[in-house]
Amino acid sequence: MYGETIKTIRLNKGLPLKSVYIDVCSKTNAIKFENGERILAVDKFNQVLSNLMITMDEFQWIRNGYKPQKDDYYSYRISKAWNANNLVEFEENVQHAEDDAIGIERIQN
């Protein structure tokens, strides 16, 4: 799960376990978390992100392979087409978003 991404970030920054998990959990639990065997509570996960000096958005960007989430991508494409008054592209992107079942809510009058 998320631990593997945290481990990658930690290693890329050259940080030891102790500096990332201080006041969060034991070394054993940190290793298990990074190996996907444990999860952390939200407050503890946020502390780990803080210790890594990254935001949740940065974490999600890294976790997603440096690509936007699908819903962010379609939201951007839809708003860009709408603002450019390109109704054909707007409808195409709305259709793609609905086909991918990402939860785009339609505005109903």
PDB file of N, CA and C in Angstrom:
ATOM      1  N   MET A   1       0.819  -1.191   0.000  1.00  0.00           N
ATOM      2  CA  MET A   1       0.000   0.000   0.000  1.00  0.00           C
ATOM      3  C   MET A   1       0.863   1.255   0.000  1.00  0.00           C
ATOM      4  N   TYR A   2       0.588   2.154   0.939  1.00  0.00           N
ATOM      5  CA  TYR A   2       1.291   3.429   0.954  1.00  0.00           C
ATOM      6  C   TYR A   2       2.719   3.332   1.483  1.00  0.00           C
ATOM      7  N   GLY A   3       2.976   2.327   2.288  1.00  0.00           N
ATOM      8  CA  GLY A   3       4.292   2.194   2.899  1.00  0.00           C
ATOM      9  C   GLY A   3       5.414   2.035   1.894  1.00  0.00           C
ATOM     10  N   GLU A   4       5.126   1.338   0.814  1.00  0.00           N
ATOM     11  CA  GLU A   4       6.156   1.123  -0.201  1.00  0.00           C
ATOM     12  C   GLU A   4       6.564   2.443  -0.855  1.00  0.00           C
ATOM     13  N   THR A   5       5.587   3.317  -1.080  1.00  0.00           N
ATOM     14  CA  THR A   5       5.886   4.631  -1.658  1.00  0.00           C
ATOM     15  C   THR A   5       6.670   5.474  -0.665  1.00  0.00           C
ATOM     16  N   ILE A   6       6.273   5.415   0.605  1.00  0.00           N
ATOM     17  CA  ILE A   6       7.004   6.146   1.646  1.00  0.00           C
ATOM     18  C   ILE A   6       8.452   5.668   1.696  1.00  0.00           C
ATOM     19  N   LYS A   7       8.649   4.375   1.609  1.00  0.00           N
ATOM     20  CA  LYS A   7      10.005   3.823   1.642  1.00  0.00           C
ATOM     21  C   LYS A   7      10.830   4.354   0.475  1.00  0.00           C
ATOM     22  N   THR A   8      10.243   4.387  -0.703  1.00  0.00           N
ATOM     23  CA  THR A   8      10.940   4.896  -1.885  1.00  0.00           C
ATOM     24  C   THR A   8      11.333   6.354  -1.691  1.00  0.00           C
ATOM     25  N   ILE A   9      10.393   7.153  -1.197  1.00  0.00           N
ATOM     26  CA  ILE A   9      10.680   8.575  -0.957  1.00  0.00           C
ATOM     27  C   ILE A   9      11.781   8.721   0.080  1.00  0.00           C
ATOM     28  N   ARG A  10      11.666   7.964   1.168  1.00  0.00           N
ATOM     29  CA  ARG A  10      12.653   8.041   2.252  1.00  0.00           C
ATOM     30  C   ARG A  10      14.046   7.686   1.744  1.00  0.00           C
ATOM     31  N   LEU A  11      14.141   6.600   0.986  1.00  0.00           N
ATOM     32  CA  LEU A  11      15.442   6.171   0.469  1.00  0.00           C
ATOM     33  C   LEU A  11      15.996   7.167  -0.548  1.00  0.00           C
ATOM     34  N   ASN A  12      15.122   7.712  -1.392  1.00  0.00           N
ATOM     35  CA  ASN A  12      15.575   8.709  -2.374  1.00  0.00           C
ATOM     36  C   ASN A  12      16.098   9.977  -1.708  1.00  0.00           C
ATOM     37  N   LYS A  13      15.574  10.277  -0.534  1.00  0.00           N
ATOM     38  CA  LYS A  13      16.040  11.447   0.211  1.00  0.00           C
ATOM     39  C   LYS A  13      17.228  11.115   1.110  1.00  0.00           C
ATOM     40  N   GLY A  14      17.564   9.823   1.179  1.00  0.00           N
ATOM     41  CA  GLY A  14      18.694   9.409   2.007  1.00  0.00           C
ATOM     42  C   GLY A  14      18.425   9.512   3.497  1.00  0.00           C
ATOM     43  N   LEU A  15      17.176   9.343   3.897  1.00  0.00           N
ATOM     44  CA  LEU A  15      16.803   9.480   5.302  1.00  0.00           C
ATOM     45  C   LEU A  15      16.726   8.116   5.986  1.00  0.00           C
ATOM     46  N   PRO A  16      17.247   8.015   7.211  1.00  0.00           N
ATOM     47  CA  PRO A  16      17.114   6.769   7.956  1.00  0.00           C
ATOM     48  C   PRO A  16      15.706   6.621   8.544  1.00  0.00           C
ATOM     49  N   LEU A  17      15.344   5.398   8.870  1.00  0.00           N
ATOM     50  CA  LEU A  17      14.038   5.134   9.483  1.00  0.00           C
ATOM     51  C   LEU A  17      13.777   6.048  10.676  1.00  0.00           C
ATOM     52  N   LYS A  18      14.780   6.166  11.530  1.00  0.00           N
ATOM     53  CA  LYS A  18      14.622   6.909  12.776  1.00  0.00           C
ATOM     54  C   LYS A  18      14.158   8.348  12.545  1.00  0.00           C
ATOM     55  N   SER A  19      14.677   9.009  11.534  1.00  0.00           N
ATOM     56  CA  SER A  19      14.315  10.413  11.311  1.00  0.00           C
ATOM     57  C   SER A  19      12.898  10.567  10.756  1.00  0.00           C
ATOM     58  N   VAL A  20      12.399   9.554  10.071  1.00  0.00           N
ATOM     59  CA  VAL A  20      11.062   9.633   9.481  1.00  0.00           C
ATOM     60  C   VAL A  20       9.979   9.187  10.464  1.00  0.00           C
ATOM     61  N   TYR A  21      10.312   8.211  11.318  1.00  0.00           N
ATOM     62  CA  TYR A  21       9.309   7.623  12.209  1.00  0.00           C
ATOM     63  C   TYR A  21       9.464   8.024  13.670  1.00  0.00           C
ATOM     64  N   ILE A  22      10.268   9.042  13.944  1.00  0.00           N
ATOM     65  CA  ILE A  22      10.447   9.493  15.311  1.00  0.00           C
ATOM     66  C   ILE A  22       9.102   9.977  15.872  1.00  0.00           C
ATOM     67  N   ASP A  23       8.771   9.528  17.048  1.00  0.00           N
ATOM     68  CA  ASP A  23       7.500   9.846  17.712  1.00  0.00           C
ATOM     69  C   ASP A  23       6.267   9.374  16.934  1.00  0.00           C
ATOM     70  N   VAL A  24       6.468   8.425  15.999  1.00  0.00           N
ATOM     71  CA  VAL A  24       5.349   7.888  15.219  1.00  0.00           C
ATOM     72  C   VAL A  24       5.101   6.438  15.585  1.00  0.00           C
ATOM     73  N   CYS A  25       6.149   5.615  15.471  1.00  0.00           N
ATOM     74  CA  CYS A  25       6.016   4.197  15.779  1.00  0.00           C
ATOM     75  C   CYS A  25       7.406   3.600  15.983  1.00  0.00           C
ATOM     76  N   SER A  26       7.427   2.342  16.377  1.00  0.00           N
ATOM     77  CA  SER A  26       8.695   1.652  16.602  1.00  0.00           C
ATOM     78  C   SER A  26       9.361   1.318  15.265  1.00  0.00           C
ATOM     79  N   LYS A  27      10.634   0.979  15.338  1.00  0.00           N
ATOM     80  CA  LYS A  27      11.380   0.591  14.143  1.00  0.00           C
ATOM     81  C   LYS A  27      10.738  -0.636  13.497  1.00  0.00           C
ATOM     82  N   THR A  28      10.314  -1.594  14.318  1.00  0.00           N
ATOM     83  CA  THR A  28       9.681  -2.817  13.806  1.00  0.00           C
ATOM     84  C   THR A  28       8.409  -2.480  13.036  1.00  0.00           C
ATOM     85  N   ASN A  29       7.566  -1.617  13.610  1.00  0.00           N
ATOM     86  CA  ASN A  29       6.328  -1.225  12.927  1.00  0.00           C
ATOM     87  C   ASN A  29       6.609  -0.401  11.676  1.00  0.00           C
ATOM     88  N   ALA A  30       7.640   0.413  11.711  1.00  0.00           N
ATOM     89  CA  ALA A  30       8.011   1.201  10.535  1.00  0.00           C
ATOM     90  C   ALA A  30       8.424   0.279   9.384  1.00  0.00           C
ATOM     91  N   ILE A  31       9.220  -0.718   9.697  1.00  0.00           N
ATOM     92  CA  ILE A  31       9.651  -1.670   8.666  1.00  0.00           C
ATOM     93  C   ILE A  31       8.445  -2.426   8.117  1.00  0.00           C
ATOM     94  N   LYS A  32       7.567  -2.870   9.001  1.00  0.00           N
ATOM     95  CA  LYS A  32       6.370  -3.587   8.552  1.00  0.00           C
ATOM     96  C   LYS A  32       5.465  -2.684   7.707  1.00  0.00           C
ATOM     97  N   PHE A  33       5.354  -1.429   8.084  1.00  0.00           N
ATOM     98  CA  PHE A  33       4.562  -0.482   7.303  1.00  0.00           C
ATOM     99  C   PHE A  33       5.151  -0.325   5.902  1.00  0.00           C
ATOM    100  N   GLU A  34       6.454  -0.121   5.827  1.00  0.00           N
ATOM    101  CA  GLU A  34       7.097   0.076   4.531  1.00  0.00           C
ATOM    102  C   GLU A  34       7.069  -1.187   3.668  1.00  0.00           C
ATOM    103  N   ASN A  35       6.918  -2.335   4.288  1.00  0.00           N
ATOM    104  CA  ASN A  35       6.824  -3.591   3.533  1.00  0.00           C
ATOM    105  C   ASN A  35       5.379  -3.972   3.220  1.00  0.00           C
ATOM    106  N   GLY A  36       4.436  -3.110   3.578  1.00  0.00           N
ATOM    107  CA  GLY A  36       3.033  -3.352   3.282  1.00  0.00           C
ATOM    108  C   GLY A  36       2.344  -4.316   4.221  1.00  0.00           C
ATOM    109  N   GLU A  37       2.948  -4.590   5.379  1.00  0.00           N
ATOM    110  CA  GLU A  37       2.378  -5.533   6.333  1.00  0.00           C
ATOM    111  C   GLU A  37       1.544  -4.849   7.416  1.00  0.00           C
ATOM    112  N   ARG A  38       1.642  -3.543   7.530  1.00  0.00           N
ATOM    113  CA  ARG A  38       0.908  -2.764   8.530  1.00  0.00           C
ATOM    114  C   ARG A  38       0.432  -1.472   7.888  1.00  0.00           C
ATOM    115  N   ILE A  39      -0.544  -0.857   8.548  1.00  0.00           N
ATOM    116  CA  ILE A  39      -0.979   0.471   8.135  1.00  0.00           C
ATOM    117  C   ILE A  39      -0.790   1.421   9.310  1.00  0.00           C
ATOM    118  N   LEU A  40      -0.756   2.688   9.004  1.00  0.00           N
ATOM    119  CA  LEU A  40      -0.641   3.712  10.041  1.00  0.00           C
ATOM    120  C   LEU A  40      -1.951   4.469  10.146  1.00  0.00           C
ATOM    121  N   ALA A  41      -2.261   4.912  11.349  1.00  0.00           N
ATOM    122  CA  ALA A  41      -3.407   5.784  11.544  1.00  0.00           C
ATOM    123  C   ALA A  41      -3.160   7.086  10.779  1.00  0.00           C
ATOM    124  N   VAL A  42      -4.217   7.776  10.433  1.00  0.00           N
ATOM    125  CA  VAL A  42      -4.120   8.986   9.628  1.00  0.00           C
ATOM    126  C   VAL A  42      -3.201  10.023  10.269  1.00  0.00           C
ATOM    127  N   ASP A  43      -3.342  10.245  11.567  1.00  0.00           N
ATOM    128  CA  ASP A  43      -2.501  11.249  12.222  1.00  0.00           C
ATOM    129  C   ASP A  43      -1.029  10.862  12.172  1.00  0.00           C
ATOM    130  N   LYS A  44      -0.753   9.582  12.314  1.00  0.00           N
ATOM    131  CA  LYS A  44       0.636   9.118  12.256  1.00  0.00           C
ATOM    132  C   LYS A  44       1.173   9.198  10.823  1.00  0.00           C
ATOM    133  N   PHE A  45       0.326   8.867   9.846  1.00  0.00           N
ATOM    134  CA  PHE A  45       0.730   8.971   8.447  1.00  0.00           C
ATOM    135  C   PHE A  45       1.040  10.424   8.091  1.00  0.00           C
ATOM    136  N   ASN A  46       0.209  11.346   8.563  1.00  0.00           N
ATOM    137  CA  ASN A  46       0.455  12.766   8.318  1.00  0.00           C
ATOM    138  C   ASN A  46       1.765  13.219   8.953  1.00  0.00           C
ATOM    139  N   GLN A  47       2.096  12.672  10.118  1.00  0.00           N
ATOM    140  CA  GLN A  47       3.364  13.007  10.760  1.00  0.00           C
ATOM    141  C   GLN A  47       4.540  12.503   9.925  1.00  0.00           C
ATOM    142  N   VAL A  48       4.398  11.305   9.357  1.00  0.00           N
ATOM    143  CA  VAL A  48       5.450  10.759   8.482  1.00  0.00           C
ATOM    144  C   VAL A  48       5.643  11.672   7.275  1.00  0.00           C
ATOM    145  N   LEU A  49       4.535  12.096   6.661  1.00  0.00           N
ATOM    146  CA  LEU A  49       4.644  13.022   5.521  1.00  0.00           C
ATOM    147  C   LEU A  49       5.342  14.308   5.933  1.00  0.00           C
ATOM    148  N   SER A  50       4.990  14.817   7.101  1.00  0.00           N
ATOM    149  CA  SER A  50       5.628  16.025   7.610  1.00  0.00           C
ATOM    150  C   SER A  50       7.123  15.810   7.822  1.00  0.00           C
ATOM    151  N   ASN A  51       7.486  14.654   8.386  1.00  0.00           N
ATOM    152  CA  ASN A  51       8.902  14.347   8.610  1.00  0.00           C
ATOM    153  C   ASN A  51       9.661  14.196   7.294  1.00  0.00           C
ATOM    154  N   LEU A  52       8.963  13.782   6.249  1.00  0.00           N
ATOM    155  CA  LEU A  52       9.567  13.682   4.914  1.00  0.00           C
ATOM    156  C   LEU A  52       9.566  15.020   4.187  1.00  0.00           C
ATOM    157  N   MET A  53       8.876  15.998   4.788  1.00  0.00           N
ATOM    158  CA  MET A  53       8.753  17.343   4.227  1.00  0.00           C
ATOM    159  C   MET A  53       8.056  17.333   2.874  1.00  0.00           C
ATOM    160  N   ILE A  54       6.949  16.562   2.792  1.00  0.00           N
ATOM    161  CA  ILE A  54       6.122  16.555   1.589  1.00  0.00           C
ATOM    162  C   ILE A  54       4.657  16.686   1.994  1.00  0.00           C
ATOM    163  N   THR A  55       3.859  17.143   1.070  1.00  0.00           N
ATOM    164  CA  THR A  55       2.424  17.268   1.306  1.00  0.00           C
ATOM    165  C   THR A  55       1.713  16.005   0.818  1.00  0.00           C
ATOM    166  N   MET A  56       0.446  15.899   1.168  1.00  0.00           N
ATOM    167  CA  MET A  56      -0.350  14.773   0.691  1.00  0.00           C
ATOM    168  C   MET A  56      -0.459  14.808  -0.831  1.00  0.00           C
ATOM    169  N   ASP A  57      -0.604  15.999  -1.397  1.00  0.00           N
ATOM    170  CA  ASP A  57      -0.675  16.112  -2.859  1.00  0.00           C
ATOM    171  C   ASP A  57       0.613  15.624  -3.508  1.00  0.00           C
ATOM    172  N   GLU A  58       1.766  15.981  -2.937  1.00  0.00           N
ATOM    173  CA  GLU A  58       3.043  15.501  -3.474  1.00  0.00           C
ATOM    174  C   GLU A  58       3.142  13.988  -3.356  1.00  0.00           C
ATOM    175  N   PHE A  59       2.702  13.459  -2.216  1.00  0.00           N
ATOM    176  CA  PHE A  59       2.722  12.012  -2.021  1.00  0.00           C
ATOM    177  C   PHE A  59       1.875  11.313  -3.074  1.00  0.00           C
ATOM    178  N   GLN A  60       0.666  11.813  -3.303  1.00  0.00           N
ATOM    179  CA  GLN A  60      -0.215  11.192  -4.291  1.00  0.00           C
ATOM    180  C   GLN A  60       0.366  11.291  -5.700  1.00  0.00           C
ATOM    181  N   TRP A  61       1.007  12.403  -6.015  1.00  0.00           N
ATOM    182  CA  TRP A  61       1.656  12.590  -7.311  1.00  0.00           C
ATOM    183  C   TRP A  61       2.746  11.537  -7.507  1.00  0.00           C
ATOM    184  N   ILE A  62       3.572  11.341  -6.490  1.00  0.00           N
ATOM    185  CA  ILE A  62       4.644  10.339  -6.562  1.00  0.00           C
ATOM    186  C   ILE A  62       4.053   8.944  -6.651  1.00  0.00           C
ATOM    187  N   ARG A  63       3.073   8.658  -5.812  1.00  0.00           N
ATOM    188  CA  ARG A  63       2.443   7.332  -5.783  1.00  0.00           C
ATOM    189  C   ARG A  63       1.798   6.980  -7.118  1.00  0.00           C
ATOM    190  N   ASN A  64       1.301   7.975  -7.818  1.00  0.00           N
ATOM    191  CA  ASN A  64       0.639   7.754  -9.095  1.00  0.00           C
ATOM    192  C   ASN A  64       1.617   7.798 -10.275  1.00  0.00           C
ATOM    193  N   GLY A  65       2.898   7.660  -9.996  1.00  0.00           N
ATOM    194  CA  GLY A  65       3.890   7.632 -11.074  1.00  0.00           C
ATOM    195  C   GLY A  65       4.101   8.970 -11.741  1.00  0.00           C
ATOM    196  N   TYR A  66       3.998  10.054 -10.972  1.00  0.00           N
ATOM    197  CA  TYR A  66       4.191  11.417 -11.461  1.00  0.00           C
ATOM    198  C   TYR A  66       3.200  11.773 -12.560  1.00  0.00           C
ATOM    199  N   LYS A  67       1.976  11.289 -12.398  1.00  0.00           N
ATOM    200  CA  LYS A  67       0.873  11.601 -13.311  1.00  0.00           C
ATOM    201  C   LYS A  67      -0.302  12.060 -12.451  1.00  0.00           C
ATOM    202  N   PRO A  68      -1.173  12.890 -13.023  1.00  0.00           N
ATOM    203  CA  PRO A  68      -2.349  13.303 -12.240  1.00  0.00           C
ATOM    204  C   PRO A  68      -3.313  12.145 -12.058  1.00  0.00           C
ATOM    205  N   GLN A  69      -4.098  12.214 -11.005  1.00  0.00           N
ATOM    206  CA  GLN A  69      -5.163  11.245 -10.804  1.00  0.00           C
ATOM    207  C   GLN A  69      -6.165  11.401 -11.945  1.00  0.00           C
ATOM    208  N   LYS A  70      -6.855  10.330 -12.303  1.00  0.00           N
ATOM    209  CA  LYS A  70      -7.799  10.392 -13.420  1.00  0.00           C
ATOM    210  C   LYS A  70      -8.850  11.472 -13.229  1.00  0.00           C
ATOM    211  N   ASP A  71      -9.397  11.569 -12.017  1.00  0.00           N
ATOM    212  CA  ASP A  71     -10.445  12.572 -11.809  1.00  0.00           C
ATOM    213  C   ASP A  71      -9.904  13.986 -11.940  1.00  0.00           C
ATOM    214  N   ASP A  72      -8.658  14.223 -11.509  1.00  0.00           N
ATOM    215  CA  ASP A  72      -8.033  15.538 -11.682  1.00  0.00           C
ATOM    216  C   ASP A  72      -7.801  15.833 -13.161  1.00  0.00           C
ATOM    217  N   TYR A  73      -7.358  14.818 -13.891  1.00  0.00           N
ATOM    218  CA  TYR A  73      -7.089  14.972 -15.316  1.00  0.00           C
ATOM    219  C   TYR A  73      -8.366  15.331 -16.067  1.00  0.00           C
ATOM    220  N   TYR A  74      -9.428  14.564 -15.830  1.00  0.00           N
ATOM    221  CA  TYR A  74     -10.680  14.838 -16.531  1.00  0.00           C
ATOM    222  C   TYR A  74     -11.283  16.167 -16.098  1.00  0.00           C
ATOM    223  N   SER A  75     -11.184  16.497 -14.836  1.00  0.00           N
ATOM    224  CA  SER A  75     -11.693  17.782 -14.362  1.00  0.00           C
ATOM    225  C   SER A  75     -10.980  18.929 -15.076  1.00  0.00           C
ATOM    226  N   TYR A  76      -9.671  18.802 -15.216  1.00  0.00           N
ATOM    227  CA  TYR A  76      -8.881  19.822 -15.922  1.00  0.00           C
ATOM    228  C   TYR A  76      -9.311  19.916 -17.379  1.00  0.00           C
ATOM    229  N   ARG A  77      -9.412  18.763 -18.042  1.00  0.00           N
ATOM    230  CA  ARG A  77      -9.776  18.740 -19.465  1.00  0.00           C
ATOM    231  C   ARG A  77     -11.176  19.306 -19.696  1.00  0.00           C
ATOM    232  N   ILE A  78     -12.107  18.943 -18.821  1.00  0.00           N
ATOM    233  CA  ILE A  78     -13.485  19.412 -18.952  1.00  0.00           C
ATOM    234  C   ILE A  78     -13.551  20.929 -18.763  1.00  0.00           C
ATOM    235  N   SER A  79     -12.897  21.441 -17.717  1.00  0.00           N
ATOM    236  CA  SER A  79     -12.947  22.888 -17.473  1.00  0.00           C
ATOM    237  C   SER A  79     -12.213  23.657 -18.571  1.00  0.00           C
ATOM    238  N   LYS A  80     -11.112  23.104 -19.082  1.00  0.00           N
ATOM    239  CA  LYS A  80     -10.376  23.765 -20.159  1.00  0.00           C
ATOM    240  C   LYS A  80     -11.250  23.859 -21.416  1.00  0.00           C
ATOM    241  N   ALA A  81     -11.922  22.782 -21.768  1.00  0.00           N
ATOM    242  CA  ALA A  81     -12.789  22.783 -22.948  1.00  0.00           C
ATOM    243  C   ALA A  81     -13.969  23.745 -22.753  1.00  0.00           C
ATOM    244  N   TRP A  82     -14.549  23.735 -21.558  1.00  0.00           N
ATOM    245  CA  TRP A  82     -15.682  24.623 -21.280  1.00  0.00           C
ATOM    246  C   TRP A  82     -15.259  26.083 -21.391  1.00  0.00           C
ATOM    247  N   ASN A  83     -14.127  26.421 -20.779  1.00  0.00           N
ATOM    248  CA  ASN A  83     -13.650  27.808 -20.794  1.00  0.00           C
ATOM    249  C   ASN A  83     -13.262  28.268 -22.192  1.00  0.00           C
ATOM    250  N   ALA A  84     -12.856  27.321 -23.043  1.00  0.00           N
ATOM    251  CA  ALA A  84     -12.509  27.651 -24.426  1.00  0.00           C
ATOM    252  C   ALA A  84     -13.746  27.613 -25.333  1.00  0.00           C
ATOM    253  N   ASN A  85     -14.909  27.351 -24.745  1.00  0.00           N
ATOM    254  CA  ASN A  85     -16.166  27.224 -25.482  1.00  0.00           C
ATOM    255  C   ASN A  85     -16.077  26.151 -26.571  1.00  0.00           C
ATOM    256  N   ASN A  86     -15.333  25.105 -26.280  1.00  0.00           N
ATOM    257  CA  ASN A  86     -15.185  23.981 -27.201  1.00  0.00           C
ATOM    258  C   ASN A  86     -16.125  22.872 -26.733  1.00  0.00           C
ATOM    259  N   LEU A  87     -17.372  22.951 -27.184  1.00  0.00           N
ATOM    260  CA  LEU A  87     -18.395  22.034 -26.691  1.00  0.00           C
ATOM    261  C   LEU A  87     -18.174  20.598 -27.135  1.00  0.00           C
ATOM    262  N   VAL A  88     -17.582  20.410 -28.291  1.00  0.00           N
ATOM    263  CA  VAL A  88     -17.312  19.052 -28.764  1.00  0.00           C
ATOM    264  C   VAL A  88     -16.309  18.373 -27.830  1.00  0.00           C
ATOM    265  N   GLU A  89     -15.206  19.049 -27.551  1.00  0.00           N
ATOM    266  CA  GLU A  89     -14.188  18.493 -26.642  1.00  0.00           C
ATOM    267  C   GLU A  89     -14.753  18.348 -25.229  1.00  0.00           C
ATOM    268  N   PHE A  90     -15.576  19.307 -24.811  1.00  0.00           N
ATOM    269  CA  PHE A  90     -16.211  19.233 -23.503  1.00  0.00           C
ATOM    270  C   PHE A  90     -17.040  17.959 -23.383  1.00  0.00           C
ATOM    271  N   GLU A  91     -17.921  17.719 -24.356  1.00  0.00           N
ATOM    272  CA  GLU A  91     -18.778  16.528 -24.332  1.00  0.00           C
ATOM    273  C   GLU A  91     -17.950  15.245 -24.389  1.00  0.00           C
ATOM    274  N   GLU A  92     -16.892  15.236 -25.201  1.00  0.00           N
ATOM    275  CA  GLU A  92     -16.029  14.048 -25.299  1.00  0.00           C
ATOM    276  C   GLU A  92     -15.391  13.736 -23.953  1.00  0.00           C
ATOM    277  N   ASN A  93     -14.893  14.753 -23.269  1.00  0.00           N
ATOM    278  CA  ASN A  93     -14.235  14.539 -21.977  1.00  0.00           C
ATOM    279  C   ASN A  93     -15.218  14.142 -20.889  1.00  0.00           C
ATOM    280  N   VAL A  94     -16.411  14.709 -20.925  1.00  0.00           N
ATOM    281  CA  VAL A  94     -17.452  14.293 -19.975  1.00  0.00           C
ATOM    282  C   VAL A  94     -17.774  12.827 -20.208  1.00  0.00           C
ATOM    283  N   GLN A  95     -17.900  12.437 -21.476  1.00  0.00           N
ATOM    284  CA  GLN A  95     -18.211  11.041 -21.803  1.00  0.00           C
ATOM    285  C   GLN A  95     -17.099  10.109 -21.334  1.00  0.00           C
ATOM    286  N   HIS A  96     -15.837  10.492 -21.560  1.00  0.00           N
ATOM    287  CA  HIS A  96     -14.706   9.669 -21.088  1.00  0.00           C
ATOM    288  C   HIS A  96     -14.725   9.523 -19.568  1.00  0.00           C
ATOM    289  N   ALA A  97     -15.001  10.620 -18.890  1.00  0.00           N
ATOM    290  CA  ALA A  97     -15.044  10.584 -17.427  1.00  0.00           C
ATOM    291  C   ALA A  97     -16.156   9.660 -16.941  1.00  0.00           C
ATOM    292  N   GLU A  98     -17.309   9.738 -17.573  1.00  0.00           N
ATOM    293  CA  GLU A  98     -18.416   8.873 -17.182  1.00  0.00           C
ATOM    294  C   GLU A  98     -18.137   7.415 -17.522  1.00  0.00           C
ATOM    295  N   ASP A  99     -17.497   7.167 -18.661  1.00  0.00           N
ATOM    296  CA  ASP A  99     -17.157   5.797 -19.058  1.00  0.00           C
ATOM    297  C   ASP A  99     -16.165   5.171 -18.094  1.00  0.00           C
ATOM    298  N   ASP A 100     -15.247   5.991 -17.555  1.00  0.00           N
ATOM    299  CA  ASP A 100     -14.247   5.488 -16.613  1.00  0.00           C
ATOM    300  C   ASP A 100     -14.808   5.359 -15.203  1.00  0.00           C
ATOM    301  N   ALA A 101     -16.054   5.759 -15.017  1.00  0.00           N
ATOM    302  CA  ALA A 101     -16.745   5.626 -13.725  1.00  0.00           C
ATOM    303  C   ALA A 101     -15.948   6.220 -12.574  1.00  0.00           C
ATOM    304  N   ILE A 102     -15.520   7.457 -12.749  1.00  0.00           N
ATOM    305  CA  ILE A 102     -14.760   8.111 -11.687  1.00  0.00           C
ATOM    306  C   ILE A 102     -15.639   8.981 -10.814  1.00  0.00           C
ATOM    307  N   GLY A 103     -16.928   8.960 -11.052  1.00  0.00           N
ATOM    308  CA  GLY A 103     -17.832   9.663 -10.158  1.00  0.00           C
ATOM    309  C   GLY A 103     -18.105  11.097 -10.510  1.00  0.00           C
ATOM    310  N   ILE A 104     -18.034  11.451 -11.772  1.00  0.00           N
ATOM    311  CA  ILE A 104     -18.386  12.811 -12.167  1.00  0.00           C
ATOM    312  C   ILE A 104     -19.889  12.974 -11.944  1.00  0.00           C
ATOM    313  N   GLU A 105     -20.244  13.999 -11.198  1.00  0.00           N
ATOM    314  CA  GLU A 105     -21.657  14.256 -10.945  1.00  0.00           C
ATOM    315  C   GLU A 105     -22.168  15.236 -11.981  1.00  0.00           C
ATOM    316  N   ARG A 106     -23.262  14.898 -12.586  1.00  0.00           N
ATOM    317  CA  ARG A 106     -23.875  15.790 -13.575  1.00  0.00           C
ATOM    318  C   ARG A 106     -24.685  16.865 -12.852  1.00  0.00           C
ATOM    319  N   ILE A 107     -24.700  18.055 -13.412  1.00  0.00           N
ATOM    320  CA  ILE A 107     -25.516  19.148 -12.886  1.00  0.00           C
ATOM    321  C   ILE A 107     -26.870  19.035 -13.550  1.00  0.00           C
ATOM    322  N   GLN A 108     -27.889  18.937 -12.721  1.00  0.00           N
ATOM    323  CA  GLN A 108     -29.243  18.814 -13.254  1.00  0.00           C
ATOM    324  C   GLN A 108     -30.050  20.038 -12.876  1.00  0.00           C
ATOM    325  N   ASN A 109     -30.833  20.514 -13.818  1.00  0.00           N
ATOM    326  CA  ASN A 109     -31.687  21.685 -13.564  1.00  0.00           C
ATOM    327  C   ASN A 109     -33.035  21.252 -13.062  1.00  0.00           C
TER     328      ASN A 109
END
